[in-house]
Amino acid sequence: QVQLVESGGGLVQPGGSLRLSCAASGLTFSLYAMSWYRHAPGKEREHVATINSPGISTVYTDSVKGRVTISRDNDENTVYLQMNNLKPEDTAVYYCRAIWRSAVYWGQGTQVTVSS
């Protein structure tokens, strides 16, 4: 059974930082491209960042470029999202996604709230 478990969310002040983690099990992690998405109330789900299976190539949505870094540890079956200089508009539930060929898996999400 495939599981993706996110952690690291919470309440942070504007300008603060958080590091999200997504621990994967039940799949060959090193085959999968990993992504972070977010879903804010009243908005559509938004792609945040993607890292390819070997961890060499990354893609970011424009609104987070320069503030967010996606990384992965294929030995630990974990993908990370380091978020710096957080803004209130970053408030959302953050989800990780694993994709390889036709197989797509999602985690349950972790809440990030940026507020003073």
PDB file of N, CA and C in Angstrom:
ATOM      1  N   GLN A   1       0.841  -1.194   0.000  1.00  0.00           N
ATOM      2  CA  GLN A   1       0.000   0.000   0.000  1.00  0.00           C
ATOM      3  C   GLN A   1       0.877   1.245   0.000  1.00  0.00           C
ATOM      4  N   VAL A   2       0.619   2.105  -0.960  1.00  0.00           N
ATOM      5  CA  VAL A   2       1.412   3.325  -1.065  1.00  0.00           C
ATOM      6  C   VAL A   2       0.910   4.360  -0.063  1.00  0.00           C
ATOM      7  N   GLN A   3       1.856   4.974   0.628  1.00  0.00           N
ATOM      8  CA  GLN A   3       1.520   6.066   1.533  1.00  0.00           C
ATOM      9  C   GLN A   3       2.473   7.224   1.331  1.00  0.00           C
ATOM     10  N   LEU A   4       1.914   8.409   1.279  1.00  0.00           N
ATOM     11  CA  LEU A   4       2.693   9.642   1.289  1.00  0.00           C
ATOM     12  C   LEU A   4       2.219  10.435   2.504  1.00  0.00           C
ATOM     13  N   VAL A   5       3.127  10.714   3.413  1.00  0.00           N
ATOM     14  CA  VAL A   5       2.763  11.375   4.660  1.00  0.00           C
ATOM     15  C   VAL A   5       3.521  12.685   4.780  1.00  0.00           C
ATOM     16  N   GLU A   6       2.776  13.784   4.703  1.00  0.00           N
ATOM     17  CA  GLU A   6       3.380  15.104   4.832  1.00  0.00           C
ATOM     18  C   GLU A   6       3.475  15.510   6.286  1.00  0.00           C
ATOM     19  N   SER A   7       4.454  16.325   6.586  1.00  0.00           N
ATOM     20  CA  SER A   7       4.615  16.888   7.927  1.00  0.00           C
ATOM     21  C   SER A   7       5.371  18.199   7.812  1.00  0.00           C
ATOM     22  N   GLY A   8       5.387  18.954   8.917  1.00  0.00           N
ATOM     23  CA  GLY A   8       6.163  20.184   8.960  1.00  0.00           C
ATOM     24  C   GLY A   8       5.353  21.462   8.821  1.00  0.00           C
ATOM     25  N   GLY A   9       4.065  21.332   8.554  1.00  0.00           N
ATOM     26  CA  GLY A   9       3.236  22.525   8.455  1.00  0.00           C
ATOM     27  C   GLY A   9       3.013  23.163   9.810  1.00  0.00           C
ATOM     28  N   GLY A  10       2.394  24.328   9.784  1.00  0.00           N
ATOM     29  CA  GLY A  10       2.105  25.019  11.032  1.00  0.00           C
ATOM     30  C   GLY A  10       1.813  26.483  10.802  1.00  0.00           C
ATOM     31  N   LEU A  11       1.799  27.222  11.906  1.00  0.00           N
ATOM     32  CA  LEU A  11       1.560  28.663  11.874  1.00  0.00           C
ATOM     33  C   LEU A  11       2.896  29.386  11.942  1.00  0.00           C
ATOM     34  N   VAL A  12       3.102  30.304  11.026  1.00  0.00           N
ATOM     35  CA  VAL A  12       4.359  31.057  10.983  1.00  0.00           C
ATOM     36  C   VAL A  12       4.044  32.506  10.640  1.00  0.00           C
ATOM     37  N   GLN A  13       4.854  33.412  11.147  1.00  0.00           N
ATOM     38  CA  GLN A  13       4.670  34.829  10.853  1.00  0.00           C
ATOM     39  C   GLN A  13       5.194  35.152   9.454  1.00  0.00           C
ATOM     40  N   PRO A  14       4.666  36.194   8.850  1.00  0.00           N
ATOM     41  CA  PRO A  14       5.210  36.629   7.551  1.00  0.00           C
ATOM     42  C   PRO A  14       6.713  36.856   7.644  1.00  0.00           C
ATOM     43  N   GLY A  15       7.415  36.387   6.625  1.00  0.00           N
ATOM     44  CA  GLY A  15       8.866  36.467   6.617  1.00  0.00           C
ATOM     45  C   GLY A  15       9.544  35.256   7.224  1.00  0.00           C
ATOM     46  N   GLY A  16       8.764  34.386   7.827  1.00  0.00           N
ATOM     47  CA  GLY A  16       9.327  33.206   8.463  1.00  0.00           C
ATOM     48  C   GLY A  16       9.576  32.071   7.483  1.00  0.00           C
ATOM     49  N   SER A  17      10.024  30.948   8.030  1.00  0.00           N
ATOM     50  CA  SER A  17      10.377  29.787   7.206  1.00  0.00           C
ATOM     51  C   SER A  17       9.738  28.520   7.757  1.00  0.00           C
ATOM     52  N   LEU A  18       9.509  27.594   6.861  1.00  0.00           N
ATOM     53  CA  LEU A  18       9.055  26.260   7.214  1.00  0.00           C
ATOM     54  C   LEU A  18       9.714  25.268   6.278  1.00  0.00           C
ATOM     55  N   ARG A  19       9.917  24.054   6.787  1.00  0.00           N
ATOM     56  CA  ARG A  19      10.400  22.969   5.953  1.00  0.00           C
ATOM     57  C   ARG A  19       9.385  21.836   6.002  1.00  0.00           C
ATOM     58  N   LEU A  20       8.757  21.580   4.879  1.00  0.00           N
ATOM     59  CA  LEU A  20       7.810  20.481   4.783  1.00  0.00           C
ATOM     60  C   LEU A  20       8.539  19.214   4.358  1.00  0.00           C
ATOM     61  N   SER A  21       8.051  18.091   4.861  1.00  0.00           N
ATOM     62  CA  SER A  21       8.580  16.789   4.489  1.00  0.00           C
ATOM     63  C   SER A  21       7.444  15.904   3.996  1.00  0.00           C
ATOM     64  N   CYS A  22       7.766  15.014   3.106  1.00  0.00           N
ATOM     65  CA  CYS A  22       6.806  14.017   2.620  1.00  0.00           C
ATOM     66  C   CYS A  22       7.529  12.683   2.579  1.00  0.00           C
ATOM     67  N   ALA A  23       7.146  11.808   3.489  1.00  0.00           N
ATOM     68  CA  ALA A  23       7.755  10.491   3.581  1.00  0.00           C
ATOM     69  C   ALA A  23       6.924   9.486   2.795  1.00  0.00           C
ATOM     70  N   ALA A  24       7.573   8.778   1.892  1.00  0.00           N
ATOM     71  CA  ALA A  24       6.882   7.824   1.023  1.00  0.00           C
ATOM     72  C   ALA A  24       7.189   6.392   1.428  1.00  0.00           C
ATOM     73  N   SER A  25       6.206   5.531   1.278  1.00  0.00           N
ATOM     74  CA  SER A  25       6.392   4.111   1.524  1.00  0.00           C
ATOM     75  C   SER A  25       5.499   3.327   0.574  1.00  0.00           C
ATOM     76  N   GLY A  26       5.882   2.083   0.331  1.00  0.00           N
ATOM     77  CA  GLY A  26       5.077   1.217  -0.520  1.00  0.00           C
ATOM     78  C   GLY A  26       5.288   1.416  -2.004  1.00  0.00           C
ATOM     79  N   LEU A  27       6.298   2.160  -2.380  1.00  0.00           N
ATOM     80  CA  LEU A  27       6.608   2.368  -3.796  1.00  0.00           C
ATOM     81  C   LEU A  27       8.117   2.481  -3.955  1.00  0.00           C
ATOM     82  N   THR A  28       8.570   2.297  -5.202  1.00  0.00           N
ATOM     83  CA  THR A  28       9.993   2.473  -5.496  1.00  0.00           C
ATOM     84  C   THR A  28      10.228   3.964  -5.701  1.00  0.00           C
ATOM     85  N   PHE A  29      10.564   4.616  -4.621  1.00  0.00           N
ATOM     86  CA  PHE A  29      10.582   6.077  -4.574  1.00  0.00           C
ATOM     87  C   PHE A  29      11.475   6.684  -5.654  1.00  0.00           C
ATOM     88  N   SER A  30      12.595   6.047  -5.920  1.00  0.00           N
ATOM     89  CA  SER A  30      13.575   6.634  -6.837  1.00  0.00           C
ATOM     90  C   SER A  30      13.080   6.686  -8.282  1.00  0.00           C
ATOM     91  N   LEU A  31      11.982   6.006  -8.592  1.00  0.00           N
ATOM     92  CA  LEU A  31      11.424   6.050  -9.941  1.00  0.00           C
ATOM     93  C   LEU A  31      10.509   7.252 -10.152  1.00  0.00           C
ATOM     94  N   TYR A  32      10.006   7.801  -9.071  1.00  0.00           N
ATOM     95  CA  TYR A  32       8.931   8.771  -9.141  1.00  0.00           C
ATOM     96  C   TYR A  32       9.426  10.205  -9.153  1.00  0.00           C
ATOM     97  N   ALA A  33       8.845  10.997 -10.045  1.00  0.00           N
ATOM     98  CA  ALA A  33       8.971  12.446  -9.908  1.00  0.00           C
ATOM     99  C   ALA A  33       8.070  12.861  -8.752  1.00  0.00           C
ATOM    100  N   MET A  34       8.532  13.816  -7.981  1.00  0.00           N
ATOM    101  CA  MET A  34       7.794  14.251  -6.800  1.00  0.00           C
ATOM    102  C   MET A  34       7.446  15.734  -6.925  1.00  0.00           C
ATOM    103  N   SER A  35       6.254  16.054  -6.500  1.00  0.00           N
ATOM    104  CA  SER A  35       5.788  17.429  -6.596  1.00  0.00           C
ATOM    105  C   SER A  35       5.133  17.860  -5.293  1.00  0.00           C
ATOM    106  N   TRP A  36       5.099  19.163  -5.115  1.00  0.00           N
ATOM    107  CA  TRP A  36       4.292  19.783  -4.071  1.00  0.00           C
ATOM    108  C   TRP A  36       3.228  20.633  -4.751  1.00  0.00           C
ATOM    109  N   TYR A  37       2.014  20.507  -4.246  1.00  0.00           N
ATOM    110  CA  TYR A  37       0.892  21.333  -4.666  1.00  0.00           C
ATOM    111  C   TYR A  37       0.320  21.996  -3.423  1.00  0.00           C
ATOM    112  N   ARG A  38      -0.473  23.028  -3.640  1.00  0.00           N
ATOM    113  CA  ARG A  38      -1.167  23.645  -2.512  1.00  0.00           C
ATOM    114  C   ARG A  38      -2.578  24.029  -2.917  1.00  0.00           C
ATOM    115  N   HIS A  39      -3.432  24.064  -1.911  1.00  0.00           N
ATOM    116  CA  HIS A  39      -4.831  24.389  -2.135  1.00  0.00           C
ATOM    117  C   HIS A  39      -5.278  25.351  -1.044  1.00  0.00           C
ATOM    118  N   ALA A  40      -5.570  26.573  -1.469  1.00  0.00           N
ATOM    119  CA  ALA A  40      -6.042  27.590  -0.542  1.00  0.00           C
ATOM    120  C   ALA A  40      -7.557  27.698  -0.641  1.00  0.00           C
ATOM    121  N   PRO A  41      -8.215  28.083   0.429  1.00  0.00           N
ATOM    122  CA  PRO A  41      -9.683  28.224   0.405  1.00  0.00           C
ATOM    123  C   PRO A  41     -10.135  29.174  -0.693  1.00  0.00           C
ATOM    124  N   GLY A  42     -11.105  28.740  -1.479  1.00  0.00           N
ATOM    125  CA  GLY A  42     -11.648  29.587  -2.525  1.00  0.00           C
ATOM    126  C   GLY A  42     -10.815  29.655  -3.787  1.00  0.00           C
ATOM    127  N   LYS A  43      -9.725  28.903  -3.801  1.00  0.00           N
ATOM    128  CA  LYS A  43      -8.848  28.908  -4.977  1.00  0.00           C
ATOM    129  C   LYS A  43      -8.688  27.495  -5.520  1.00  0.00           C
ATOM    130  N   GLU A  44      -8.222  27.400  -6.755  1.00  0.00           N
ATOM    131  CA  GLU A  44      -7.937  26.095  -7.325  1.00  0.00           C
ATOM    132  C   GLU A  44      -6.609  25.578  -6.788  1.00  0.00           C
ATOM    133  N   ARG A  45      -6.475  24.273  -6.829  1.00  0.00           N
ATOM    134  CA  ARG A  45      -5.205  23.675  -6.432  1.00  0.00           C
ATOM    135  C   ARG A  45      -4.100  24.168  -7.366  1.00  0.00           C
ATOM    136  N   GLU A  46      -2.950  24.465  -6.795  1.00  0.00           N
ATOM    137  CA  GLU A  46      -1.868  25.100  -7.535  1.00  0.00           C
ATOM    138  C   GLU A  46      -0.588  24.276  -7.415  1.00  0.00           C
ATOM    139  N   HIS A  47       0.083  24.080  -8.531  1.00  0.00           N
ATOM    140  CA  HIS A  47       1.389  23.443  -8.513  1.00  0.00           C
ATOM    141  C   HIS A  47       2.407  24.389  -7.879  1.00  0.00           C
ATOM    142  N   VAL A  48       3.239  23.871  -6.999  1.00  0.00           N
ATOM    143  CA  VAL A  48       4.270  24.683  -6.345  1.00  0.00           C
ATOM    144  C   VAL A  48       5.652  24.346  -6.903  1.00  0.00           C
ATOM    145  N   ALA A  49       6.008  23.076  -6.883  1.00  0.00           N
ATOM    146  CA  ALA A  49       7.349  22.689  -7.306  1.00  0.00           C
ATOM    147  C   ALA A  49       7.366  21.203  -7.648  1.00  0.00           C
ATOM    148  N   THR A  50       8.298  20.847  -8.538  1.00  0.00           N
ATOM    149  CA  THR A  50       8.507  19.453  -8.932  1.00  0.00           C
ATOM    150  C   THR A  50       9.993  19.171  -9.014  1.00  0.00           C
ATOM    151  N   ILE A  51      10.360  17.959  -8.629  1.00  0.00           N
ATOM    152  CA  ILE A  51      11.730  17.502  -8.760  1.00  0.00           C
ATOM    153  C   ILE A  51      11.706  16.153  -9.463  1.00  0.00           C
ATOM    154  N   ASN A  52      12.627  15.939 -10.392  1.00  0.00           N
ATOM    155  CA  ASN A  52      12.597  14.688 -11.139  1.00  0.00           C
ATOM    156  C   ASN A  52      13.162  13.552 -10.296  1.00  0.00           C
ATOM    157  N   SER A  53      13.073  12.340 -10.836  1.00  0.00           N
ATOM    158  CA  SER A  53      13.375  11.170 -10.018  1.00  0.00           C
ATOM    159  C   SER A  53      14.805  11.139  -9.479  1.00  0.00           C
ATOM    160  N   PRO A  54      15.828  11.484 -10.264  1.00  0.00           N
ATOM    161  CA  PRO A  54      17.178  11.493  -9.687  1.00  0.00           C
ATOM    162  C   PRO A  54      17.483  12.738  -8.853  1.00  0.00           C
ATOM    163  N   GLY A  55      16.588  13.716  -8.883  1.00  0.00           N
ATOM    164  CA  GLY A  55      16.793  14.920  -8.095  1.00  0.00           C
ATOM    165  C   GLY A  55      17.672  15.964  -8.761  1.00  0.00           C
ATOM    166  N   ILE A  56      17.797  15.872 -10.070  1.00  0.00           N
ATOM    167  CA  ILE A  56      18.685  16.790 -10.792  1.00  0.00           C
ATOM    168  C   ILE A  56      17.933  18.015 -11.290  1.00  0.00           C
ATOM    169  N   SER A  57      16.702  17.829 -11.727  1.00  0.00           N
ATOM    170  CA  SER A  57      15.946  18.904 -12.354  1.00  0.00           C
ATOM    171  C   SER A  57      14.776  19.321 -11.474  1.00  0.00           C
ATOM    172  N   THR A  58      14.564  20.631 -11.383  1.00  0.00           N
ATOM    173  CA  THR A  58      13.459  21.168 -10.583  1.00  0.00           C
ATOM    174  C   THR A  58      12.682  22.207 -11.380  1.00  0.00           C
ATOM    175  N   VAL A  59      11.421  22.346 -11.026  1.00  0.00           N
ATOM    176  CA  VAL A  59      10.548  23.346 -11.647  1.00  0.00           C
ATOM    177  C   VAL A  59       9.747  24.005 -10.528  1.00  0.00           C
ATOM    178  N   TYR A  60       9.587  25.318 -10.624  1.00  0.00           N
ATOM    179  CA  TYR A  60       8.841  26.071  -9.616  1.00  0.00           C
ATOM    180  C   TYR A  60       7.802  26.959 -10.285  1.00  0.00           C
ATOM    181  N   THR A  61       6.698  27.153  -9.588  1.00  0.00           N
ATOM    182  CA  THR A  61       5.748  28.139 -10.071  1.00  0.00           C
ATOM    183  C   THR A  61       6.309  29.531  -9.790  1.00  0.00           C
ATOM    184  N   ASP A  62       5.945  30.493 -10.618  1.00  0.00           N
ATOM    185  CA  ASP A  62       6.570  31.816 -10.551  1.00  0.00           C
ATOM    186  C   ASP A  62       6.424  32.473  -9.186  1.00  0.00           C
ATOM    187  N   SER A  63       5.307  32.265  -8.534  1.00  0.00           N
ATOM    188  CA  SER A  63       5.036  32.975  -7.286  1.00  0.00           C
ATOM    189  C   SER A  63       5.941  32.540  -6.126  1.00  0.00           C
ATOM    190  N   VAL A  64       6.635  31.426  -6.277  1.00  0.00           N
ATOM    191  CA  VAL A  64       7.495  30.963  -5.185  1.00  0.00           C
ATOM    192  C   VAL A  64       8.976  30.953  -5.562  1.00  0.00           C
ATOM    193  N   LYS A  65       9.289  31.256  -6.800  1.00  0.00           N
ATOM    194  CA  LYS A  65      10.695  31.227  -7.229  1.00  0.00           C
ATOM    195  C   LYS A  65      11.547  32.151  -6.367  1.00  0.00           C
ATOM    196  N   GLY A  66      12.685  31.649  -5.950  1.00  0.00           N
ATOM    197  CA  GLY A  66      13.590  32.422  -5.114  1.00  0.00           C
ATOM    198  C   GLY A  66      13.295  32.304  -3.633  1.00  0.00           C
ATOM    199  N   ARG A  67      12.141  31.756  -3.280  1.00  0.00           N
ATOM    200  CA  ARG A  67      11.763  31.609  -1.865  1.00  0.00           C
ATOM    201  C   ARG A  67      11.628  30.148  -1.448  1.00  0.00           C
ATOM    202  N   VAL A  68      11.487  29.280  -2.398  1.00  0.00           N
ATOM    203  CA  VAL A  68      11.176  27.878  -2.116  1.00  0.00           C
ATOM    204  C   VAL A  68      12.188  26.971  -2.810  1.00  0.00           C
ATOM    205  N   THR A  69      12.578  25.913  -2.111  1.00  0.00           N
ATOM    206  CA  THR A  69      13.493  24.922  -2.684  1.00  0.00           C
ATOM    207  C   THR A  69      12.934  23.535  -2.445  1.00  0.00           C
ATOM    208  N   ILE A  70      12.806  22.767  -3.519  1.00  0.00           N
ATOM    209  CA  ILE A  70      12.396  21.371  -3.396  1.00  0.00           C
ATOM    210  C   ILE A  70      13.643  20.500  -3.476  1.00  0.00           C
ATOM    211  N   SER A  71      13.688  19.468  -2.661  1.00  0.00           N
ATOM    212  CA  SER A  71      14.818  18.542  -2.675  1.00  0.00           C
ATOM    213  C   SER A  71      14.297  17.160  -2.298  1.00  0.00           C
ATOM    214  N   ARG A  72      15.143  16.165  -2.494  1.00  0.00           N
ATOM    215  CA  ARG A  72      14.731  14.812  -2.159  1.00  0.00           C
ATOM    216  C   ARG A  72      15.909  13.997  -1.686  1.00  0.00           C
ATOM    217  N   ASP A  73      15.609  12.986  -0.903  1.00  0.00           N
ATOM    218  CA  ASP A  73      16.598  12.027  -0.440  1.00  0.00           C
ATOM    219  C   ASP A  73      16.078  10.651  -0.829  1.00  0.00           C
ATOM    220  N   ASN A  74      16.638  10.100  -1.875  1.00  0.00           N
ATOM    221  CA  ASN A  74      16.143   8.807  -2.369  1.00  0.00           C
ATOM    222  C   ASN A  74      16.522   7.646  -1.437  1.00  0.00           C
ATOM    223  N   ASP A  75      17.494   7.854  -0.579  1.00  0.00           N
ATOM    224  CA  ASP A  75      17.818   6.819   0.413  1.00  0.00           C
ATOM    225  C   ASP A  75      16.810   6.816   1.562  1.00  0.00           C
ATOM    226  N   GLU A  76      16.248   7.982   1.840  1.00  0.00           N
ATOM    227  CA  GLU A  76      15.278   8.106   2.932  1.00  0.00           C
ATOM    228  C   GLU A  76      13.842   8.135   2.426  1.00  0.00           C
ATOM    229  N   ASN A  77      13.646   8.028   1.102  1.00  0.00           N
ATOM    230  CA  ASN A  77      12.303   8.042   0.502  1.00  0.00           C
ATOM    231  C   ASN A  77      11.510   9.270   0.933  1.00  0.00           C
ATOM    232  N   THR A  78      12.166  10.398   0.907  1.00  0.00           N
ATOM    233  CA  THR A  78      11.543  11.626   1.396  1.00  0.00           C
ATOM    234  C   THR A  78      11.805  12.784   0.439  1.00  0.00           C
ATOM    235  N   VAL A  79      10.786  13.605   0.274  1.00  0.00           N
ATOM    236  CA  VAL A  79      10.924  14.844  -0.485  1.00  0.00           C
ATOM    237  C   VAL A  79      10.643  16.001   0.466  1.00  0.00           C
ATOM    238  N   TYR A  80      11.360  17.087   0.249  1.00  0.00           N
ATOM    239  CA  TYR A  80      11.274  18.242   1.138  1.00  0.00           C
ATOM    240  C   TYR A  80      10.862  19.490   0.361  1.00  0.00           C
ATOM    241  N   LEU A  81      10.291  20.422   1.093  1.00  0.00           N
ATOM    242  CA  LEU A  81      10.005  21.740   0.533  1.00  0.00           C
ATOM    243  C   LEU A  81      10.429  22.773   1.567  1.00  0.00           C
ATOM    244  N   GLN A  82      11.545  23.429   1.300  1.00  0.00           N
ATOM    245  CA  GLN A  82      12.024  24.497   2.171  1.00  0.00           C
ATOM    246  C   GLN A  82      11.408  25.807   1.700  1.00  0.00           C
ATOM    247  N   MET A  83      10.678  26.446   2.579  1.00  0.00           N
ATOM    248  CA  MET A  83       9.986  27.680   2.227  1.00  0.00           C
ATOM    249  C   MET A  83      10.494  28.812   3.113  1.00  0.00           C
ATOM    250  N   ASN A  84      10.999  29.841   2.480  1.00  0.00           N
ATOM    251  CA  ASN A  84      11.531  31.001   3.181  1.00  0.00           C
ATOM    252  C   ASN A  84      10.746  32.255   2.813  1.00  0.00           C
ATOM    253  N   ASN A  85      10.902  33.291   3.630  1.00  0.00           N
ATOM    254  CA  ASN A  85      10.225  34.564   3.374  1.00  0.00           C
ATOM    255  C   ASN A  85       8.742  34.330   3.063  1.00  0.00           C
ATOM    256  N   LEU A  86       8.099  33.588   3.931  1.00  0.00           N
ATOM    257  CA  LEU A  86       6.704  33.236   3.695  1.00  0.00           C
ATOM    258  C   LEU A  86       5.802  34.447   3.748  1.00  0.00           C
ATOM    259  N   LYS A  87       4.768  34.398   2.920  1.00  0.00           N
ATOM    260  CA  LYS A  87       3.800  35.489   2.801  1.00  0.00           C
ATOM    261  C   LYS A  87       2.407  34.979   3.155  1.00  0.00           C
ATOM    262  N   PRO A  88       1.516  35.855   3.547  1.00  0.00           N
ATOM    263  CA  PRO A  88       0.146  35.398   3.852  1.00  0.00           C
ATOM    264  C   PRO A  88      -0.494  34.642   2.695  1.00  0.00           C
ATOM    265  N   GLU A  89      -0.157  35.014   1.486  1.00  0.00           N
ATOM    266  CA  GLU A  89      -0.733  34.318   0.322  1.00  0.00           C
ATOM    267  C   GLU A  89      -0.195  32.909   0.124  1.00  0.00           C
ATOM    268  N   ASP A  90       0.783  32.523   0.917  1.00  0.00           N
ATOM    269  CA  ASP A  90       1.265  31.139   0.894  1.00  0.00           C
ATOM    270  C   ASP A  90       0.403  30.226   1.764  1.00  0.00           C
ATOM    271  N   THR A  91      -0.530  30.799   2.497  1.00  0.00           N
ATOM    272  CA  THR A  91      -1.411  30.007   3.350  1.00  0.00           C
ATOM    273  C   THR A  91      -2.238  29.041   2.508  1.00  0.00           C
ATOM    274  N   ALA A  92      -2.146  27.763   2.852  1.00  0.00           N
ATOM    275  CA  ALA A  92      -2.831  26.723   2.086  1.00  0.00           C
ATOM    276  C   ALA A  92      -2.563  25.370   2.736  1.00  0.00           C
ATOM    277  N   VAL A  93      -3.283  24.371   2.264  1.00  0.00           N
ATOM    278  CA  VAL A  93      -2.915  22.992   2.566  1.00  0.00           C
ATOM    279  C   VAL A  93      -1.940  22.549   1.480  1.00  0.00           C
ATOM    280  N   TYR A  94      -0.809  22.021   1.911  1.00  0.00           N
ATOM    281  CA  TYR A  94       0.232  21.592   0.986  1.00  0.00           C
ATOM    282  C   TYR A  94       0.213  20.063   0.872  1.00  0.00           C
ATOM    283  N   TYR A  95       0.224  19.605  -0.365  1.00  0.00           N
ATOM    284  CA  TYR A  95       0.161  18.184  -0.664  1.00  0.00           C
ATOM    285  C   TYR A  95       1.388  17.756  -1.461  1.00  0.00           C
ATOM    286  N   CYS A  96       1.878  16.571  -1.207  1.00  0.00           N
ATOM    287  CA  CYS A  96       2.899  16.021  -2.085  1.00  0.00           C
ATOM    288  C   CYS A  96       2.249  15.006  -3.016  1.00  0.00           C
ATOM    289  N   ARG A  97       2.864  14.887  -4.171  1.00  0.00           N
ATOM    290  CA  ARG A  97       2.374  13.978  -5.196  1.00  0.00           C
ATOM    291  C   ARG A  97       3.544  13.201  -5.773  1.00  0.00           C
ATOM    292  N   ALA A  98       3.324  11.907  -5.984  1.00  0.00           N
ATOM    293  CA  ALA A  98       4.302  11.051  -6.642  1.00  0.00           C
ATOM    294  C   ALA A  98       3.718  10.618  -7.979  1.00  0.00           C
ATOM    295  N   ILE A  99       4.528  10.684  -9.036  1.00  0.00           N
ATOM    296  CA  ILE A  99       4.037  10.273 -10.341  1.00  0.00           C
ATOM    297  C   ILE A  99       5.125   9.526 -11.105  1.00  0.00           C
ATOM    298  N   TRP A 100       4.733   8.400 -11.692  1.00  0.00           N
ATOM    299  CA  TRP A 100       5.622   7.605 -12.548  1.00  0.00           C
ATOM    300  C   TRP A 100       4.739   6.856 -13.532  1.00  0.00           C
ATOM    301  N   ARG A 101       4.921   7.147 -14.792  1.00  0.00           N
ATOM    302  CA  ARG A 101       4.078   6.582 -15.845  1.00  0.00           C
ATOM    303  C   ARG A 101       2.610   6.883 -15.498  1.00  0.00           C
ATOM    304  N   SER A 102       1.789   5.883 -15.384  1.00  0.00           N
ATOM    305  CA  SER A 102       0.367   6.117 -15.118  1.00  0.00           C
ATOM    306  C   SER A 102       0.030   6.091 -13.627  1.00  0.00           C
ATOM    307  N   ALA A 103       1.017   5.861 -12.805  1.00  0.00           N
ATOM    308  CA  ALA A 103       0.789   5.782 -11.359  1.00  0.00           C
ATOM    309  C   ALA A 103       0.912   7.170 -10.729  1.00  0.00           C
ATOM    310  N   VAL A 104      -0.120   7.583 -10.034  1.00  0.00           N
ATOM    311  CA  VAL A 104      -0.133   8.886  -9.362  1.00  0.00           C
ATOM    312  C   VAL A 104      -0.654   8.693  -7.942  1.00  0.00           C
ATOM    313  N   TYR A 105       0.075   9.218  -6.986  1.00  0.00           N
ATOM    314  CA  TYR A 105      -0.318   9.107  -5.583  1.00  0.00           C
ATOM    315  C   TYR A 105      -0.234  10.471  -4.914  1.00  0.00           C
ATOM    316  N   TRP A 106      -1.156  10.691  -3.968  1.00  0.00           N
ATOM    317  CA  TRP A 106      -1.208  11.956  -3.233  1.00  0.00           C
ATOM    318  C   TRP A 106      -1.140  11.686  -1.736  1.00  0.00           C
ATOM    319  N   GLY A 107      -0.569  12.634  -1.033  1.00  0.00           N
ATOM    320  CA  GLY A 107      -0.604  12.596   0.408  1.00  0.00           C
ATOM    321  C   GLY A 107      -1.875  13.250   0.920  1.00  0.00           C
ATOM    322  N   GLN A 108      -1.993  13.285   2.243  1.00  0.00           N
ATOM    323  CA  GLN A 108      -3.207  13.803   2.868  1.00  0.00           C
ATOM    324  C   GLN A 108      -3.145  15.304   3.127  1.00  0.00           C
ATOM    325  N   GLY A 109      -1.968  15.870   3.003  1.00  0.00           N
ATOM    326  CA  GLY A 109      -1.808  17.315   3.142  1.00  0.00           C
ATOM    327  C   GLY A 109      -1.375  17.760   4.515  1.00  0.00           C
ATOM    328  N   THR A 110      -0.729  18.923   4.545  1.00  0.00           N
ATOM    329  CA  THR A 110      -0.347  19.563   5.799  1.00  0.00           C
ATOM    330  C   THR A 110      -0.651  21.048   5.678  1.00  0.00           C
ATOM    331  N   GLN A 111      -1.234  21.603   6.732  1.00  0.00           N
ATOM    332  CA  GLN A 111      -1.683  22.998   6.700  1.00  0.00           C
ATOM    333  C   GLN A 111      -0.516  23.937   6.982  1.00  0.00           C
ATOM    334  N   VAL A 112      -0.393  24.937   6.143  1.00  0.00           N
ATOM    335  CA  VAL A 112       0.550  26.029   6.361  1.00  0.00           C
ATOM    336  C   VAL A 112      -0.252  27.319   6.476  1.00  0.00           C
ATOM    337  N   THR A 113      -0.072  28.015   7.586  1.00  0.00           N
ATOM    338  CA  THR A 113      -0.762  29.279   7.808  1.00  0.00           C
ATOM    339  C   THR A 113       0.264  30.360   8.083  1.00  0.00           C
ATOM    340  N   VAL A 114       0.230  31.399   7.271  1.00  0.00           N
ATOM    341  CA  VAL A 114       1.163  32.516   7.426  1.00  0.00           C
ATOM    342  C   VAL A 114       0.356  33.721   7.896  1.00  0.00           C
ATOM    343  N   SER A 115       0.580  34.103   9.131  1.00  0.00           N
ATOM    344  CA  SER A 115      -0.217  35.172   9.715  1.00  0.00           C
ATOM    345  C   SER A 115       0.520  35.782  10.897  1.00  0.00           C
ATOM    346  N   SER A 116       0.313  37.081  11.083  1.00  0.00           N
ATOM    347  CA  SER A 116       0.877  37.753  12.249  1.00  0.00           C
ATOM    348  C   SER A 116      -0.135  37.769  13.397  1.00  0.00           C
TER     349      SER A 116
END
